[in-house]
Amino acid sequence: MAEVKEMTIPLRAAWAVPRTRRANRAITEIRKHVARHMKMTEDEDIWIDEAVNHYIWSRGMQKPPRKVRVVCTREEGFPLEVKLLEE
């Protein structure tokens, strides 16, 4: 049985670094947030969908969004999947 969670991830920490590193930090914050809230174990990996990456980088490296809504899915034998929430 797959575990599915919708979550809004705040990316405010991405704005606390130099502006040439903000989009990179936003991706790192997504990984940290998902690992914490999905209770990731040591043997699991996180797979972030390409659409999430395009959304973060859509306005460039210096102006990532302040938050992002995603759907996280856990299935046995697969990495944790992070996809954009389609509304």
C-alpha atoms as a PDB file:
ATOM      1  CA  MET A   1       0.000   0.000   0.000  1.00  0.00           C
ATOM      2  CA  ALA A   2       1.440   3.348  -1.011  1.00  0.00           C
ATOM      3  CA  GLU A   3       1.629   6.177   1.500  1.00  0.00           C
ATOM      4  CA  VAL A   4       0.694   9.532  -0.071  1.00  0.00           C
ATOM      5  CA  LYS A   5       1.013  12.960   1.587  1.00  0.00           C
ATOM      6  CA  GLU A   6       0.289  16.433   0.271  1.00  0.00           C
ATOM      7  CA  MET A   7       2.415  19.144   1.803  1.00  0.00           C
ATOM      8  CA  THR A   8       3.319  22.786   1.425  1.00  0.00           C
ATOM      9  CA  ILE A   9       7.052  23.267   1.798  1.00  0.00           C
ATOM     10  CA  PRO A  10       8.237  26.704   2.940  1.00  0.00           C
ATOM     11  CA  LEU A  11      11.394  27.800   1.163  1.00  0.00           C
ATOM     12  CA  ARG A  12      12.223  30.793   3.347  1.00  0.00           C
ATOM     13  CA  ALA A  13      15.654  29.359   4.208  1.00  0.00           C
ATOM     14  CA  ALA A  14      16.603  29.638   0.535  1.00  0.00           C
ATOM     15  CA  TRP A  15      16.500  33.419   0.907  1.00  0.00           C
ATOM     16  CA  ALA A  16      19.064  33.345   3.763  1.00  0.00           C
ATOM     17  CA  VAL A  17      21.968  32.472   1.448  1.00  0.00           C
ATOM     18  CA  PRO A  18      23.667  34.570  -1.247  1.00  0.00           C
ATOM     19  CA  ARG A  19      21.293  35.177  -4.126  1.00  0.00           C
ATOM     20  CA  THR A  20      23.441  33.167  -6.545  1.00  0.00           C
ATOM     21  CA  ARG A  21      22.740  30.014  -4.495  1.00  0.00           C
ATOM     22  CA  ARG A  22      19.026  30.414  -3.726  1.00  0.00           C
ATOM     23  CA  ALA A  23      17.568  27.870  -6.178  1.00  0.00           C
ATOM     24  CA  ASN A  24      20.141  25.268  -5.145  1.00  0.00           C
ATOM     25  CA  ARG A  25      19.294  25.850  -1.488  1.00  0.00           C
ATOM     26  CA  ALA A  26      15.560  25.565  -2.278  1.00  0.00           C
ATOM     27  CA  ILE A  27      16.086  22.047  -3.673  1.00  0.00           C
ATOM     28  CA  THR A  28      18.100  21.166  -0.562  1.00  0.00           C
ATOM     29  CA  GLU A  29      15.280  22.467   1.653  1.00  0.00           C
ATOM     30  CA  ILE A  30      12.758  20.304  -0.224  1.00  0.00           C
ATOM     31  CA  ARG A  31      14.911  17.230   0.428  1.00  0.00           C
ATOM     32  CA  LYS A  32      15.281  18.056   4.136  1.00  0.00           C
ATOM     33  CA  HIS A  33      11.554  18.761   4.602  1.00  0.00           C
ATOM     34  CA  VAL A  34      10.433  15.570   2.864  1.00  0.00           C
ATOM     35  CA  ALA A  35      12.958  13.460   4.777  1.00  0.00           C
ATOM     36  CA  ARG A  36      11.724  14.860   8.093  1.00  0.00           C
ATOM     37  CA  HIS A  37       7.990  14.662   7.454  1.00  0.00           C
ATOM     38  CA  MET A  38       7.954  11.306   5.667  1.00  0.00           C
ATOM     39  CA  LYS A  39      10.226   9.780   8.367  1.00  0.00           C
ATOM     40  CA  MET A  40      12.766   8.631   5.817  1.00  0.00           C
ATOM     41  CA  THR A  41      15.003   5.730   6.813  1.00  0.00           C
ATOM     42  CA  GLU A  42      18.711   5.451   6.028  1.00  0.00           C
ATOM     43  CA  ASP A  43      18.221   2.978   3.183  1.00  0.00           C
ATOM     44  CA  GLU A  44      15.683   5.159   1.305  1.00  0.00           C
ATOM     45  CA  ASP A  45      16.390   7.737  -1.394  1.00  0.00           C
ATOM     46  CA  ILE A  46      14.428  10.793  -2.518  1.00  0.00           C
ATOM     47  CA  TRP A  47      13.462  11.283  -6.162  1.00  0.00           C
ATOM     48  CA  ILE A  48      12.374  14.825  -7.083  1.00  0.00           C
ATOM     49  CA  ASP A  49      10.337  15.141 -10.265  1.00  0.00           C
ATOM     50  CA  GLU A  50      11.694  17.291 -13.076  1.00  0.00           C
ATOM     51  CA  ALA A  51       8.565  19.489 -12.915  1.00  0.00           C
ATOM     52  CA  VAL A  52       9.456  20.510  -9.344  1.00  0.00           C
ATOM     53  CA  ASN A  53      12.943  21.478 -10.500  1.00  0.00           C
ATOM     54  CA  HIS A  54      11.530  23.528 -13.399  1.00  0.00           C
ATOM     55  CA  TYR A  55       9.105  25.252 -11.017  1.00  0.00           C
ATOM     56  CA  ILE A  56      11.932  26.212  -8.620  1.00  0.00           C
ATOM     57  CA  TRP A  57      14.141  27.482 -11.432  1.00  0.00           C
ATOM     58  CA  SER A  58      11.298  29.117 -13.442  1.00  0.00           C
ATOM     59  CA  ARG A  59      12.218  32.662 -12.392  1.00  0.00           C
ATOM     60  CA  GLY A  60      15.942  32.030 -12.319  1.00  0.00           C
ATOM     61  CA  MET A  61      18.480  31.227  -9.651  1.00  0.00           C
ATOM     62  CA  GLN A  62      18.023  34.456  -7.716  1.00  0.00           C
ATOM     63  CA  LYS A  63      14.232  34.429  -7.272  1.00  0.00           C
ATOM     64  CA  PRO A  64      12.895  30.980  -6.359  1.00  0.00           C
ATOM     65  CA  PRO A  65       9.302  30.786  -5.072  1.00  0.00           C
ATOM     66  CA  ARG A  66       8.657  31.298  -1.356  1.00  0.00           C
ATOM     67  CA  LYS A  67       6.810  27.969  -1.026  1.00  0.00           C
ATOM     68  CA  VAL A  68       5.878  24.974  -3.126  1.00  0.00           C
ATOM     69  CA  ARG A  69       2.985  22.479  -2.879  1.00  0.00           C
ATOM     70  CA  VAL A  70       4.009  18.878  -3.530  1.00  0.00           C
ATOM     71  CA  VAL A  71       2.718  15.319  -3.256  1.00  0.00           C
ATOM     72  CA  CYS A  72       5.047  12.777  -1.651  1.00  0.00           C
ATOM     73  CA  THR A  73       4.586   9.068  -2.328  1.00  0.00           C
ATOM     74  CA  ARG A  74       6.242   6.113  -0.626  1.00  0.00           C
ATOM     75  CA  GLU A  75       6.080   2.628  -2.112  1.00  0.00           C
ATOM     76  CA  GLU A  76       8.030  -0.347  -0.901  1.00  0.00           C
ATOM     77  CA  GLY A  77      11.118  -0.977  -3.015  1.00  0.00           C
ATOM     78  CA  PHE A  78      11.065   2.490  -4.647  1.00  0.00           C
ATOM     79  CA  PRO A  79      12.534   5.855  -3.616  1.00  0.00           C
ATOM     80  CA  LEU A  80      10.324   8.546  -2.074  1.00  0.00           C
ATOM     81  CA  GLU A  81       8.747  10.433  -4.980  1.00  0.00           C
ATOM     82  CA  VAL A  82       8.194  14.197  -4.819  1.00  0.00           C
ATOM     83  CA  LYS A  83       5.887  15.650  -7.490  1.00  0.00           C
ATOM     84  CA  LEU A  84       4.139  18.989  -7.958  1.00  0.00           C
ATOM     85  CA  LEU A  85       0.558  19.157  -6.703  1.00  0.00           C
ATOM     86  CA  GLU A  86      -1.704  19.648  -9.708  1.00  0.00           C
ATOM     87  CA  GLU A  87      -4.619  21.886  -8.856  1.00  0.00           C
END
